[in-house]
Amino acid sequence: MDSLPPLSRAQLETLLAALDPLLEGFGGGGSDLDDARAYLRRLGDGAAGDPTEPLLVWLDRWGEAGGDRRTLRLMVSTLMEFGPPPVMESGDGPLGGTSGSGSVSPGPPHSL
């Protein structure tokens, strides 16, 4: 599965707002992520470069991996509080190298 696109802090805040449980029923779909999807589609204009496009990618990939609103909300909240994990570069790890200084987008939850 592809990694999630990086998001700015403002995009994370928007995604968190879209995942608010008070929006339950807003999307009228079968998934609790449908409410967030409908909310974001109302915010965006659908044109190329729409700032909500990466947020919709997060929702789609999270749902495809079996995630739900509660787990994505928890992960987005954690990213906002602590930031993304450092990038591990080739040769990094317990056997040598130095830790990377960049950041990555977290992957969706793994199925067991």
Protein backbone atom coordinates (compact mmCIF):
# COMPACT_ATOMS: atom_id res chain seq x y z
CA MET A 1 0.00 0.00 0.00
CA ASP A 2 1.22 3.50 -0.82
CA SER A 3 2.25 5.86 1.94
CA LEU A 4 0.02 8.72 2.93
CA PRO A 5 0.76 12.17 1.47
CA PRO A 6 2.35 14.62 3.92
CA LEU A 7 0.01 17.16 5.48
CA SER A 8 0.63 20.61 6.90
CA ARG A 9 -0.50 21.45 10.40
CA ALA A 10 -3.48 23.35 8.96
CA GLN A 11 -4.48 20.29 6.92
CA LEU A 12 -4.16 18.07 10.00
CA GLU A 13 -6.44 20.48 11.90
CA THR A 14 -8.97 20.37 9.07
CA LEU A 15 -8.84 16.58 8.97
CA LEU A 16 -9.33 16.42 12.74
CA ALA A 17 -12.37 18.70 12.44
CA ALA A 18 -13.78 16.47 9.69
CA LEU A 19 -13.37 13.44 11.97
CA ASP A 20 -15.44 14.99 14.78
CA PRO A 21 -18.00 12.44 16.05
CA LEU A 22 -20.60 15.24 16.11
CA LEU A 23 -20.68 14.97 12.31
CA GLU A 24 -22.11 11.45 12.52
CA GLY A 25 -24.78 11.04 9.85
CA PHE A 26 -23.51 14.04 7.83
CA GLY A 27 -22.36 11.81 4.96
CA GLY A 28 -25.21 9.34 5.06
CA GLY A 29 -22.92 6.46 4.05
CA GLY A 30 -22.22 3.07 5.51
CA SER A 31 -18.85 4.01 7.02
CA ASP A 32 -18.07 6.47 9.78
CA LEU A 33 -15.41 7.87 7.43
CA ASP A 34 -18.16 8.79 4.93
CA ASP A 35 -19.20 11.66 7.21
CA ALA A 36 -15.68 13.11 7.12
CA ARG A 37 -15.48 12.58 3.34
CA ALA A 38 -18.74 14.50 2.81
CA TYR A 39 -17.58 17.31 5.11
CA LEU A 40 -14.29 17.68 3.21
CA ARG A 41 -16.01 17.62 -0.17
CA ARG A 42 -18.17 20.52 0.97
CA LEU A 43 -15.03 22.48 1.89
CA GLY A 44 -13.18 21.81 -1.37
CA ASP A 45 -13.95 22.90 -4.88
CA GLY A 46 -12.96 19.63 -6.60
CA ALA A 47 -10.53 21.38 -8.95
CA ALA A 48 -6.99 20.17 -9.52
CA GLY A 49 -4.86 21.27 -6.59
CA ASP A 50 -7.84 21.36 -4.23
CA PRO A 51 -6.30 21.54 -0.71
CA THR A 52 -8.74 18.89 0.55
CA GLU A 53 -7.51 16.30 -1.99
CA PRO A 54 -4.70 14.89 0.22
CA LEU A 55 -7.14 14.70 3.14
CA LEU A 56 -9.50 12.58 1.05
CA VAL A 57 -6.55 10.34 0.14
CA TRP A 58 -5.89 9.83 3.86
CA LEU A 59 -9.53 8.90 4.47
CA ASP A 60 -9.65 6.50 1.52
CA ARG A 61 -6.42 4.71 2.37
CA TRP A 62 -7.23 4.56 6.06
CA GLY A 63 -10.61 3.01 5.33
CA GLU A 64 -9.13 0.54 2.79
CA ALA A 65 -6.75 -0.65 5.49
CA GLY A 66 -9.61 -1.27 7.92
CA GLY A 67 -9.23 1.89 9.98
CA ASP A 68 -12.12 3.89 11.36
CA ARG A 69 -12.83 7.44 12.49
CA ARG A 70 -11.74 6.80 16.09
CA THR A 71 -8.31 5.39 15.17
CA LEU A 72 -7.59 8.04 12.52
CA ARG A 73 -8.64 10.78 14.95
CA LEU A 74 -6.24 9.36 17.53
CA MET A 75 -3.38 9.23 15.05
CA VAL A 76 -3.98 12.77 13.74
CA SER A 77 -4.18 14.08 17.33
CA THR A 78 -0.90 12.33 18.14
CA LEU A 79 0.80 13.77 15.05
CA MET A 80 -0.36 17.25 16.00
CA GLU A 81 0.92 16.87 19.55
CA PHE A 82 4.22 15.08 18.96
CA GLY A 83 4.95 15.42 15.24
CA PRO A 84 5.86 12.67 12.79
CA PRO A 85 8.52 10.05 13.53
CA PRO A 86 12.06 10.63 12.21
CA VAL A 87 13.01 9.11 8.87
CA MET A 88 15.27 6.09 9.04
CA GLU A 89 17.83 6.32 6.27
CA SER A 90 19.76 3.48 4.70
CA GLY A 91 22.20 2.09 7.25
CA ASP A 92 20.33 3.59 10.17
CA GLY A 93 19.31 1.50 13.08
CA PRO A 94 20.86 -0.28 16.01
CA LEU A 95 23.85 -1.56 14.00
CA GLY A 96 25.16 1.73 12.76
CA GLY A 97 24.53 4.97 10.98
CA THR A 98 22.88 8.06 12.31
CA SER A 99 19.24 8.78 12.71
CA GLY A 100 17.55 10.71 9.93
CA SER A 101 16.34 14.22 10.43
CA GLY A 102 13.38 14.32 8.01
CA SER A 103 9.82 13.27 8.52
CA VAL A 104 7.41 10.87 6.89
CA SER A 105 3.72 10.35 6.76
CA PRO A 106 2.57 7.41 8.85
CA GLY A 107 1.11 4.43 7.05
CA PRO A 108 -2.43 3.23 7.55
CA PRO A 109 -3.19 0.68 10.25
CA HIS A 110 -2.12 -2.87 9.50
CA SER A 111 -4.59 -5.70 9.35
CA LEU A 112 -3.92 -8.66 11.61
